[in-house]
């Protein structure tokens, strides 16, 4: 099998890749993709004709779609970025900068006009913008779509004006905008601004203005993270999550004191970045069971002719990420550790989950890369079956 797989499978099915949000946790996704690349033939340029990402998952999405060459090489280059990543390459870590932003946020609570017109956030993520601008080749997206290697790519943000989940997508002429309850799809040429908007974690990173509206992290209101891939024509979906696998919850120590600020923020982040993808997978399983029990004619007769089973493969962390984060929290810059300590983002305070989203440290990211790689290898047979490698 050569590069034909970059368009679709031999049987005509289109595979969509879904990368959820999660800040630094997104390093795990790259580890899984490395295992996927090693499970596929070497000469495949892109096994995913449809790629959809949100938040940090959007960064990985455009890092794949915005590069040319074999899939293995793209993942290798993306892995190199994550292996060398540290906090200074993502946000300003100087103490004065963090303190200044903290004061701006504090005073804006009591004075609505304070710093009006300026997006307020704890951290300045200008370094991340420069890093992504140097790495992502946005012009390649058009070239890949024109050649048929890529059908569509999307990244999702939330509109602070309307509260709707907005999926910005770039695709072939067959793809049209859509509108559903609290979520819409807008066709456009993707830019670095869309990427920065999708990854703007609330309170942590500043909102991004696109046109006359401001946007933030897409995971905040994305109730149906699998939906964009289906709107763009995916017949099968490959999902990589970044959750603390539900099977680990019983292993967590019981925290008897009242919740710290960081612990509360951590639960809020988890509900945005993690819960929605797991909930949507459960919904997809239910729909599949229902669709499989009805023939095509029965579906049409009941007025649900568009209901169809969607094959999927989901890979989630086999180890609790919060526990890994607690082992690497010392790697964060002093200014960030000081702020996190004030909010209770420590193992004792129960707020490590919140800290994990900002833990862009080499030790933590490399640990997640390895975990994702090992989890991917453990699913090698399922991956081969999913891509129908034996038939090629």
Protein backbone atom coordinates (compact mmCIF):
# COMPACT_ATOMS: atom_id res chain seq x y z
CA UNK A 1 0.00 0.00 0.00
CA UNK A 2 1.45 3.37 -1.01
CA UNK A 3 0.11 6.87 -0.61
CA UNK A 4 -3.43 6.03 -1.72
CA UNK A 5 -4.26 5.61 1.93
CA UNK A 6 -3.72 9.31 2.43
CA UNK A 7 -7.11 9.87 0.82
CA UNK A 8 -9.21 7.02 2.17
CA UNK A 9 -9.16 3.28 2.77
CA UNK A 10 -9.37 0.84 -0.08
CA UNK A 11 -13.05 0.29 0.69
CA UNK A 12 -13.71 4.04 0.41
CA UNK A 13 -14.10 4.80 4.11
CA UNK A 14 -12.71 8.08 5.38
CA UNK A 15 -10.93 8.05 8.72
CA UNK A 16 -11.09 11.07 10.98
CA UNK A 17 -8.55 11.85 13.69
CA UNK A 18 -9.87 13.58 16.81
CA UNK A 19 -7.43 15.20 19.21
CA UNK A 20 -8.95 16.64 22.37
CA UNK A 21 -7.63 19.48 24.48
CA UNK A 22 -5.56 19.30 27.62
CA UNK A 23 -2.66 21.76 27.68
CA UNK A 24 0.64 19.98 28.34
CA UNK A 25 -1.23 16.67 28.47
CA UNK A 26 -1.40 16.77 24.67
CA UNK A 27 2.14 15.35 24.60
CA UNK A 28 0.44 12.01 25.24
CA UNK A 29 -1.30 12.27 21.86
CA UNK A 30 2.00 12.50 20.03
CA UNK A 31 3.25 9.34 21.73
CA UNK A 32 0.15 7.46 20.56
CA UNK A 33 0.54 8.83 17.02
CA UNK A 34 4.15 7.63 17.00
CA UNK A 35 2.92 4.10 17.69
CA UNK A 36 0.28 4.50 14.96
CA UNK A 37 2.91 5.65 12.47
CA UNK A 38 5.10 2.64 13.25
CA UNK A 39 2.10 0.33 12.80
CA UNK A 40 1.38 1.63 9.29
CA UNK A 41 3.39 1.21 6.07
CA UNK A 42 6.39 3.56 5.88
CA UNK A 43 5.36 5.29 2.66
CA UNK A 44 1.99 6.62 3.86
CA UNK A 45 1.83 10.40 3.77
CA UNK A 46 -1.34 10.85 5.78
CA UNK A 47 -3.65 8.08 7.03
CA UNK A 48 -6.20 10.66 8.25
CA UNK A 49 -7.96 12.58 5.44
CA UNK A 50 -9.96 14.42 8.13
CA UNK A 51 -8.19 15.87 11.17
CA UNK A 52 -10.00 17.70 13.98
CA UNK A 53 -8.44 19.21 17.06
CA UNK A 54 -9.31 21.39 20.02
CA UNK A 55 -7.11 23.44 22.33
CA UNK A 56 -3.67 21.80 22.59
CA UNK A 57 -5.08 19.08 20.34
CA UNK A 58 -5.51 21.78 17.70
CA UNK A 59 -1.78 22.47 17.93
CA UNK A 60 -1.02 18.84 17.15
CA UNK A 61 -3.69 18.88 14.43
CA UNK A 62 -2.14 21.72 12.46
CA UNK A 63 1.36 20.47 13.17
CA UNK A 64 0.35 17.34 11.21
CA UNK A 65 -1.81 18.94 8.53
CA UNK A 66 0.58 21.87 8.11
CA UNK A 67 3.60 19.77 7.17
CA UNK A 68 4.49 17.77 4.08
CA UNK A 69 6.12 14.36 3.74
CA UNK A 70 5.61 10.86 5.13
CA UNK A 71 3.45 10.53 8.23
CA UNK A 72 6.29 8.97 10.21
CA UNK A 73 8.51 11.95 9.50
CA UNK A 74 5.82 14.44 10.48
CA UNK A 75 5.27 12.70 13.81
CA UNK A 76 9.02 12.45 14.37
CA UNK A 77 9.36 16.23 13.93
CA UNK A 78 6.36 16.88 16.17
CA UNK A 79 7.81 14.58 18.81
CA UNK A 80 11.08 16.51 18.68
CA UNK A 81 9.20 19.74 19.44
CA UNK A 82 7.49 18.23 22.49
CA UNK A 83 10.71 16.63 23.73
CA UNK A 84 12.47 19.98 23.77
CA UNK A 85 9.51 21.94 25.09
CA UNK A 86 9.69 23.88 28.31
CA UNK A 87 7.52 26.55 29.91
CA UNK A 88 9.60 29.44 28.54
CA UNK A 89 8.73 28.37 24.99
CA UNK A 90 5.01 28.50 25.78
CA UNK A 91 4.52 31.50 28.08
CA UNK A 92 6.51 34.21 29.83
CA UNK A 93 7.77 32.90 33.13
CA UNK A 94 9.48 35.98 34.61
CA UNK A 95 8.12 36.83 38.03
CA UNK A 96 7.34 40.46 37.21
CA UNK A 97 5.36 39.50 34.12
CA UNK A 98 3.24 36.96 36.01
CA UNK A 99 2.73 39.43 38.89
CA UNK A 100 1.70 42.23 36.52
CA UNK A 101 -0.87 40.04 34.79
CA UNK A 102 -2.18 38.83 38.14
CA UNK A 103 -2.71 42.43 39.30
CA UNK A 104 -4.49 43.34 36.06
CA UNK A 105 -6.87 40.42 36.56
CA UNK A 106 -7.37 41.32 40.22
CA UNK A 107 -8.22 44.99 39.59
CA UNK A 108 -10.48 44.14 36.66
CA UNK A 109 -12.72 42.27 39.11
CA UNK A 110 -13.49 45.52 40.95
CA UNK A 111 -13.40 47.91 37.99
CA UNK A 112 -15.01 46.82 34.74
CA UNK A 113 -13.15 49.51 32.82
CA UNK A 114 -9.71 48.57 34.08
CA UNK A 115 -7.49 47.54 31.14
CA UNK A 116 -10.60 47.48 28.95
CA UNK A 117 -9.87 46.37 25.42
CA UNK A 118 -6.99 44.20 26.54
CA UNK A 119 -7.62 40.45 26.92
CA UNK A 120 -6.92 39.57 30.55
CA UNK A 121 -5.01 36.45 31.51
CA UNK A 122 -2.47 35.25 34.02
CA UNK A 123 0.13 34.29 31.41
CA UNK A 124 1.51 35.86 28.25
CA UNK A 125 1.69 33.12 25.59
CA UNK A 126 3.54 35.15 22.97
CA UNK A 127 6.42 32.61 22.92
CA UNK A 128 3.96 29.86 21.90
CA UNK A 129 2.70 31.98 19.02
CA UNK A 130 6.24 32.40 17.68
CA UNK A 131 7.01 28.70 18.09
CA UNK A 132 3.90 27.64 16.16
CA UNK A 133 4.34 30.29 13.47
CA UNK A 134 7.81 28.90 12.78
CA UNK A 135 6.69 25.26 12.73
CA UNK A 136 3.26 25.11 11.06
CA UNK A 137 3.20 25.55 7.27
CA UNK A 138 -0.32 26.89 6.72
CA UNK A 139 0.19 27.04 2.95
CA UNK A 140 0.65 23.27 2.89
CA UNK A 141 -2.96 22.79 4.02
CA UNK A 142 -4.24 24.25 0.74
CA UNK A 143 -1.74 22.18 -1.22
CA UNK A 144 -2.72 18.98 0.61
CA UNK A 145 -6.43 19.60 0.02
CA UNK A 146 -5.83 20.35 -3.66
CA UNK A 147 -3.84 17.14 -4.12
CA UNK A 148 -6.45 15.02 -2.32
CA UNK A 149 -4.06 14.02 0.46
CA UNK A 150 -6.24 15.92 2.92
CA UNK A 151 -9.99 16.42 2.73
CA UNK A 152 -10.54 18.74 5.66
CA UNK A 153 -8.94 20.01 8.84
CA UNK A 154 -10.68 21.81 11.70
CA UNK A 155 -9.96 23.46 15.01
CA UNK A 156 -12.61 24.48 17.53
CA UNK A 157 -12.84 27.58 19.72
CA UNK A 158 -15.57 29.13 21.86
CA UNK A 159 -17.05 32.52 21.03
CA UNK A 160 -17.14 34.74 24.10
CA UNK A 161 -19.75 36.86 22.30
CA UNK A 162 -22.30 34.15 21.60
CA UNK A 163 -21.21 31.32 23.90
CA UNK A 164 -21.31 28.95 20.92
CA UNK A 165 -18.75 26.31 20.07
CA UNK A 166 -17.26 27.42 16.75
CA UNK A 167 -15.43 24.98 14.50
CA UNK A 168 -13.23 26.75 11.97
CA UNK A 169 -12.47 24.39 9.11
CA UNK A 170 -10.63 24.33 5.83
CA UNK A 171 -11.67 21.75 3.28
CA UNK A 172 -12.59 20.86 -0.28
CA UNK A 173 -15.51 22.39 -2.21
CA UNK A 174 -17.81 19.61 -1.00
CA UNK A 175 -17.62 20.78 2.61
CA UNK A 176 -20.17 23.35 3.67
CA UNK A 177 -20.76 25.30 6.91
CA UNK A 178 -23.22 23.90 9.45
CA UNK A 179 -25.24 25.08 12.41
CA UNK A 180 -26.59 23.04 15.28
CA UNK A 181 -27.67 23.83 18.82
CA UNK A 182 -24.87 25.94 20.35
CA UNK A 183 -22.31 24.80 17.77
CA UNK A 184 -21.51 25.99 14.28
CA UNK A 185 -18.97 25.26 11.57
CA UNK A 186 -17.35 28.14 9.67
CA UNK A 187 -15.35 27.55 6.50
CA UNK A 188 -12.23 29.69 6.33
CA UNK A 189 -8.50 29.70 5.70
CA UNK A 190 -6.93 28.71 8.99
CA UNK A 191 -4.29 31.02 10.48
CA UNK A 192 -2.15 31.28 13.56
CA UNK A 193 -4.93 33.39 15.16
CA UNK A 194 -7.39 30.50 14.96
CA UNK A 195 -4.82 28.23 16.56
CA UNK A 196 -4.08 30.65 19.38
CA UNK A 197 -7.82 31.14 19.98
CA UNK A 198 -8.49 27.42 20.25
CA UNK A 199 -5.69 26.95 22.78
CA UNK A 200 -6.43 30.02 24.94
CA UNK A 201 -7.14 28.30 28.27
CA UNK A 202 -9.57 30.53 30.24
CA UNK A 203 -7.89 32.83 32.76
CA UNK A 204 -4.49 31.35 31.90
CA UNK A 205 -4.02 32.59 28.31
CA UNK A 206 -5.56 35.72 26.70
CA UNK A 207 -8.58 35.50 24.40
CA UNK A 208 -7.89 35.98 20.70
CA UNK A 209 -9.74 38.42 18.47
CA UNK A 210 -10.84 37.09 15.07
CA UNK A 211 -12.85 39.58 13.08
CA UNK A 212 -14.98 41.55 15.51
CA UNK A 213 -15.30 38.80 18.13
CA UNK A 214 -13.13 37.26 20.82
CA UNK A 215 -12.56 33.53 21.13
CA UNK A 216 -11.10 31.22 23.74
CA UNK A 217 -10.27 27.59 24.35
CA UNK A 218 -12.57 25.39 22.30
CA UNK A 219 -12.96 22.74 24.98
CA UNK A 220 -15.01 25.10 27.16
CA UNK A 221 -18.32 24.65 25.31
CA UNK A 222 -17.55 21.70 23.04
CA UNK A 223 -20.27 19.28 24.08
CA UNK A 224 -19.85 17.11 20.98
CA UNK A 225 -16.10 16.87 20.21
CA UNK A 226 -16.63 14.02 17.73
CA UNK A 227 -19.25 15.98 15.78
CA UNK A 228 -16.88 18.09 13.57
CA UNK A 229 -15.28 14.97 12.08
CA UNK A 230 -18.70 13.55 11.23
CA UNK A 231 -19.85 16.83 9.68
CA UNK A 232 -16.72 16.77 7.53
CA UNK A 233 -17.51 13.28 6.24
CA UNK A 234 -15.63 10.84 8.46
CA UNK A 235 -16.91 7.25 8.36
CA UNK A 236 -14.58 6.06 11.13
CA UNK A 237 -12.95 8.04 13.92
CA UNK A 238 -9.69 7.57 15.79
CA UNK A 239 -9.86 9.35 19.15
CA UNK A 240 -6.95 10.12 21.45
CA UNK A 241 -7.98 11.41 24.88
CA UNK A 242 -5.86 12.82 27.70
CA UNK A 243 -8.00 11.91 30.70
CA UNK A 244 -7.17 10.29 33.96
CA UNK A 245 -8.72 6.98 32.95
CA UNK A 246 -11.90 6.40 35.03
CA UNK A 247 -10.45 3.07 36.22
CA UNK A 248 -7.88 5.06 38.21
CA UNK A 249 -10.30 7.09 40.27
CA UNK A 250 -10.41 4.58 43.12
CA UNK A 251 -6.64 4.83 43.49
CA UNK A 252 -6.71 8.55 44.28
CA UNK A 253 -6.15 9.48 47.94
CA UNK A 254 -9.13 10.90 49.81
CA UNK A 255 -8.68 14.61 50.53
CA UNK A 256 -10.60 15.44 53.69
CA UNK A 257 -10.07 19.21 53.86
CA UNK A 258 -12.18 21.76 52.01
CA UNK A 259 -11.25 22.10 48.30
CA UNK A 260 -8.48 24.51 47.38
CA UNK A 261 -8.93 27.05 44.58
CA UNK A 262 -6.65 24.97 42.36
CA UNK A 263 -8.63 21.83 43.11
CA UNK A 264 -11.83 23.56 42.02
CA UNK A 265 -10.15 24.92 38.90
CA UNK A 266 -8.80 21.45 38.18
CA UNK A 267 -12.31 19.99 38.24
CA UNK A 268 -13.51 22.78 35.95
CA UNK A 269 -10.69 22.10 33.51
CA UNK A 270 -11.35 18.37 33.63
CA UNK A 271 -15.03 18.91 32.86
CA UNK A 272 -14.07 20.96 29.81
CA UNK A 273 -11.10 19.02 28.48
CA UNK A 274 -11.95 15.46 29.50
CA UNK A 275 -15.56 14.79 30.41
CA UNK A 276 -17.00 15.88 27.04
CA UNK A 277 -14.94 13.44 24.98
CA UNK A 278 -15.77 10.53 27.28
CA UNK A 279 -19.45 11.47 27.29
CA UNK A 280 -19.50 11.76 23.49
CA UNK A 281 -17.89 8.34 23.15
CA UNK A 282 -20.63 6.86 25.32
CA UNK A 283 -23.25 8.56 23.14
CA UNK A 284 -21.59 7.21 20.01
CA UNK A 285 -21.66 3.69 21.45
CA UNK A 286 -25.39 4.02 22.15
CA UNK A 287 -26.08 5.33 18.64
CA UNK A 288 -24.08 2.48 17.13
CA UNK A 289 -26.06 -0.11 19.07
CA UNK A 290 -29.31 1.47 17.92
CA UNK A 291 -28.22 1.79 14.28
CA UNK A 292 -26.95 -1.78 14.14
CA UNK A 293 -30.36 -3.07 15.23
CA UNK A 294 -32.10 -1.39 12.29
CA UNK A 295 -31.75 -1.96 8.57
CA UNK A 296 -31.26 0.96 6.17
CA UNK A 297 -34.90 0.73 5.07
CA UNK A 298 -36.10 0.72 8.67
CA UNK A 299 -34.09 3.82 9.44
CA UNK A 300 -35.53 5.63 6.44
CA UNK A 301 -39.04 4.52 7.37
CA UNK A 302 -38.62 5.93 10.87
CA UNK A 303 -37.21 9.20 9.53
CA UNK A 304 -33.66 8.60 10.73
CA UNK A 305 -32.10 7.71 7.41
CA UNK A 306 -28.91 9.59 8.29
CA UNK A 307 -28.41 7.41 11.36
CA UNK A 308 -25.49 5.07 10.75
CA UNK A 309 -23.00 3.16 12.87
CA UNK A 310 -19.63 4.87 13.21
CA UNK A 311 -16.67 2.62 13.89
CA UNK A 312 -14.20 4.14 16.31
CA UNK A 313 -11.03 3.38 18.19
CA UNK A 314 -10.29 5.41 21.31
CA UNK A 315 -6.98 5.32 23.16
CA UNK A 316 -6.80 6.84 26.65
CA UNK A 317 -3.95 7.00 29.18
CA UNK A 318 -3.35 3.74 31.04
CA UNK A 319 -1.84 5.59 34.00
CA UNK A 320 -3.21 8.53 36.02
CA UNK A 321 -1.77 11.74 34.56
CA UNK A 322 -2.34 13.65 37.80
CA UNK A 323 0.02 11.26 39.56
CA UNK A 324 2.67 11.78 36.88
CA UNK A 325 2.21 15.54 37.20
CA UNK A 326 2.78 15.44 40.95
CA UNK A 327 6.18 13.85 40.29
CA UNK A 328 7.25 16.70 37.97
CA UNK A 329 5.70 19.79 39.51
CA UNK A 330 9.13 20.82 40.78
CA UNK A 331 10.19 21.35 37.15
CA UNK A 332 7.93 24.38 36.73
CA UNK A 333 9.44 27.90 36.82
CA UNK A 334 9.62 29.49 40.27
CA UNK A 335 7.08 32.19 39.38
CA UNK A 336 4.50 29.62 38.31
CA UNK A 337 5.17 27.36 41.31
CA UNK A 338 4.67 30.36 43.59
CA UNK A 339 1.30 31.18 42.03
CA UNK A 340 0.19 27.54 42.04
CA UNK A 341 1.24 27.13 45.66
CA UNK A 342 -0.93 30.10 46.62
CA UNK A 343 -3.95 28.46 44.98
CA UNK A 344 -3.25 25.01 46.44
CA UNK A 345 -1.98 23.31 43.30
CA UNK A 346 0.11 20.78 45.19
CA UNK A 347 -0.25 17.10 45.97
CA UNK A 348 -1.41 17.95 49.49
CA UNK A 349 -3.78 20.64 48.22
CA UNK A 350 -5.40 18.33 45.70
CA UNK A 351 -4.89 20.79 42.83
CA UNK A 352 -2.24 18.97 40.80
CA UNK A 353 -4.78 18.39 38.04
CA UNK A 354 -4.92 22.14 37.35
CA UNK A 355 -1.12 22.35 37.37
CA UNK A 356 -0.81 19.50 34.87
CA UNK A 357 -2.36 21.61 32.11
CA UNK A 358 0.44 24.19 32.46
CA UNK A 359 3.27 21.73 33.10
CA UNK A 360 5.20 22.28 29.89
CA UNK A 361 8.39 20.77 31.26
CA UNK A 362 10.72 18.37 29.50
CA UNK A 363 10.46 15.69 32.14
CA UNK A 364 6.66 15.68 32.24
CA UNK A 365 6.21 15.94 28.45
CA UNK A 366 8.72 13.17 27.79
CA UNK A 367 6.98 10.97 30.35
CA UNK A 368 3.67 11.54 28.57
CA UNK A 369 5.24 10.87 25.18
CA UNK A 370 6.52 7.52 26.41
CA UNK A 371 3.20 6.65 28.07
CA UNK A 372 1.31 7.43 24.86
CA UNK A 373 3.79 5.41 22.82
CA UNK A 374 3.50 2.38 25.08
CA UNK A 375 -0.31 2.63 25.17
CA UNK A 376 -0.31 2.84 21.39
CA UNK A 377 1.92 -0.22 21.05
CA UNK A 378 -0.36 -2.10 23.44
CA UNK A 379 -3.19 -1.41 20.98
CA UNK A 380 -1.14 -2.31 17.92
CA UNK A 381 -3.42 -5.17 16.84
CA UNK A 382 -6.50 -2.98 17.26
CA UNK A 383 -4.79 -0.22 15.23
CA UNK A 384 -3.90 -2.62 12.41
CA UNK A 385 -7.46 -3.94 12.36
CA UNK A 386 -8.90 -0.41 12.45
CA UNK A 387 -6.87 0.64 9.40
CA UNK A 388 -7.45 -2.72 7.65
CA UNK A 389 -3.69 -3.06 7.17
CA UNK A 390 -3.94 -6.80 6.48
CA UNK A 391 -6.11 -6.08 3.43
CA UNK A 392 -3.64 -3.70 1.83
